[in-house]
């Protein structure tokens, strides 16, 4: 059995029926926001895997030093894109982290370089309006 972090309703727990409390909400399906007031609540998700697949998944999780639940959640996250530009954003964040510095000399050199770039772009611009005022 694998567990995930979200449930359609706090009243519904098909894996542990003793935890469930009957309510009007559990007798009909509605968007998550309506049932839980917009708050995602923990749930358990049972997945029947063939034994051979379960062994493979457990081995991969162990190789990566992760629990089975963490590894399967990671696989699901990777399979479901979070936002349209996630890869580009990730790349840009990586570059930003790679170039991060607290060195005052380097920071001043970067500021001077950017000022020179802006001035060159303003000089070469064909209209009277500056690109970088």
Protein backbone atom coordinates (compact mmCIF):
# COMPACT_ATOMS: atom_id res chain seq x y z
CA UNK A 1 0.00 0.00 0.00
CA UNK A 2 1.24 3.47 -0.88
CA UNK A 3 0.05 6.69 0.67
CA UNK A 4 -0.27 10.10 -0.91
CA UNK A 5 -0.75 13.51 0.64
CA UNK A 6 -4.21 14.50 -0.54
CA UNK A 7 -7.80 13.34 -0.08
CA UNK A 8 -11.10 14.25 -1.67
CA UNK A 9 -12.75 14.55 1.72
CA UNK A 10 -11.76 14.21 5.37
CA UNK A 11 -14.95 12.17 5.88
CA UNK A 12 -13.90 9.53 3.35
CA UNK A 13 -11.21 6.99 4.11
CA UNK A 14 -11.81 3.85 2.03
CA UNK A 15 -8.69 2.14 3.38
CA UNK A 16 -9.62 2.72 7.03
CA UNK A 17 -13.44 2.72 7.15
CA UNK A 18 -13.40 2.98 10.95
CA UNK A 19 -11.98 6.50 10.52
CA UNK A 20 -14.78 7.54 8.17
CA UNK A 21 -17.77 9.47 9.40
CA UNK A 22 -20.89 9.39 7.24
CA UNK A 23 -21.98 12.77 5.95
CA UNK A 24 -23.86 14.38 3.10
CA UNK A 25 -20.53 15.27 1.49
CA UNK A 26 -19.47 11.63 1.27
CA UNK A 27 -22.64 10.64 -0.60
CA UNK A 28 -21.93 12.94 -3.56
CA UNK A 29 -18.83 14.02 -5.45
CA UNK A 30 -17.99 17.71 -5.66
CA UNK A 31 -14.85 19.70 -6.43
CA UNK A 32 -12.17 19.46 -3.76
CA UNK A 33 -12.63 23.10 -2.79
CA UNK A 34 -16.30 22.54 -1.98
CA UNK A 35 -15.77 19.40 0.06
CA UNK A 36 -12.78 20.55 2.10
CA UNK A 37 -13.09 24.32 1.98
CA UNK A 38 -10.08 24.59 -0.32
CA UNK A 39 -7.71 22.75 2.02
CA UNK A 40 -6.03 19.56 0.83
CA UNK A 41 -6.19 16.91 3.51
CA UNK A 42 -4.07 13.74 3.85
CA UNK A 43 -5.33 10.51 2.37
CA UNK A 44 -4.16 6.99 1.80
CA UNK A 45 -4.00 5.68 -1.74
CA UNK A 46 -3.88 1.92 -2.25
CA UNK A 47 -2.31 0.70 -5.48
CA UNK A 48 -2.32 -2.97 -6.46
CA UNK A 49 1.00 -3.61 -8.18
CA UNK A 50 2.14 -6.91 -9.65
CA UNK A 51 4.78 -8.41 -7.32
CA UNK A 52 7.53 -8.03 -9.93
CA UNK A 53 6.81 -4.31 -10.33
CA UNK A 54 6.59 -3.78 -6.58
CA UNK A 55 10.04 -5.33 -6.12
CA UNK A 56 11.47 -3.05 -8.83
CA UNK A 57 9.92 0.06 -7.30
CA UNK A 58 11.12 -0.87 -3.82
CA UNK A 59 14.65 -1.50 -5.13
CA UNK A 60 14.78 1.87 -6.91
CA UNK A 61 13.51 3.68 -3.81
CA UNK A 62 16.14 1.97 -1.69
CA UNK A 63 18.91 2.77 -4.22
CA UNK A 64 17.99 6.45 -3.91
CA UNK A 65 17.73 6.36 -0.13
CA UNK A 66 14.02 7.18 -0.23
CA UNK A 67 10.99 5.59 1.35
CA UNK A 68 8.61 3.81 -0.99
CA UNK A 69 6.01 6.56 -0.50
CA UNK A 70 8.51 9.35 -1.24
CA UNK A 71 9.78 7.61 -4.37
CA UNK A 72 6.33 6.90 -5.82
CA UNK A 73 5.21 10.48 -5.06
CA UNK A 74 8.34 11.73 -6.88
CA UNK A 75 7.55 9.53 -9.89
CA UNK A 76 4.00 10.88 -10.03
CA UNK A 77 5.20 14.49 -9.74
CA UNK A 78 7.69 13.96 -12.57
CA UNK A 79 5.02 12.38 -14.77
CA UNK A 80 2.53 15.22 -14.21
CA UNK A 81 3.87 18.61 -15.27
CA UNK A 82 3.24 21.25 -12.63
CA UNK A 83 3.27 24.28 -14.88
CA UNK A 84 3.82 24.85 -18.60
CA UNK A 85 7.27 26.43 -18.28
CA UNK A 86 8.58 24.30 -15.40
CA UNK A 87 11.69 23.09 -17.27
CA UNK A 88 12.66 26.60 -18.38
CA UNK A 89 12.08 28.00 -14.91
CA UNK A 90 14.16 25.20 -13.42
CA UNK A 91 16.99 25.94 -15.85
CA UNK A 92 16.93 29.67 -15.05
CA UNK A 93 16.90 28.98 -11.30
CA UNK A 94 19.89 26.69 -11.76
CA UNK A 95 21.81 29.42 -13.59
CA UNK A 96 20.85 31.92 -10.91
CA UNK A 97 22.10 29.59 -8.17
CA UNK A 98 25.29 28.90 -10.15
CA UNK A 99 26.04 32.63 -10.47
CA UNK A 100 25.09 33.56 -6.90
CA UNK A 101 27.77 35.46 -5.00
CA UNK A 102 28.20 37.72 -2.00
CA UNK A 103 31.63 38.94 -3.14
CA UNK A 104 31.46 42.78 -3.17
CA UNK A 105 34.08 43.05 -5.93
CA UNK A 106 32.18 40.66 -8.19
CA UNK A 107 28.86 42.39 -7.46
CA UNK A 108 30.33 45.80 -8.34
CA UNK A 109 31.83 44.41 -11.56
CA UNK A 110 28.41 43.01 -12.52
CA UNK A 111 26.72 46.36 -11.79
CA UNK A 112 29.28 48.21 -13.90
CA UNK A 113 28.92 45.71 -16.74
CA UNK A 114 25.12 46.09 -16.69
CA UNK A 115 25.38 49.90 -16.64
CA UNK A 116 27.72 49.79 -19.66
CA UNK A 117 25.34 47.43 -21.51
CA UNK A 118 22.36 49.72 -20.86
CA UNK A 119 24.31 52.78 -22.00
CA UNK A 120 25.38 51.03 -25.23
CA UNK A 121 21.79 49.96 -25.95
CA UNK A 122 20.52 53.50 -25.32
CA UNK A 123 23.16 55.00 -27.63
CA UNK A 124 22.41 52.62 -30.48
CA UNK A 125 18.64 53.00 -30.22
CA UNK A 126 17.04 54.75 -33.21
CA UNK A 127 14.44 56.81 -31.34
CA UNK A 128 14.79 59.64 -28.84
CA UNK A 129 13.17 57.50 -26.15
CA UNK A 130 15.73 55.65 -24.06
CA UNK A 131 15.27 51.92 -23.61
CA UNK A 132 16.83 52.12 -20.15
CA UNK A 133 16.13 55.55 -18.62
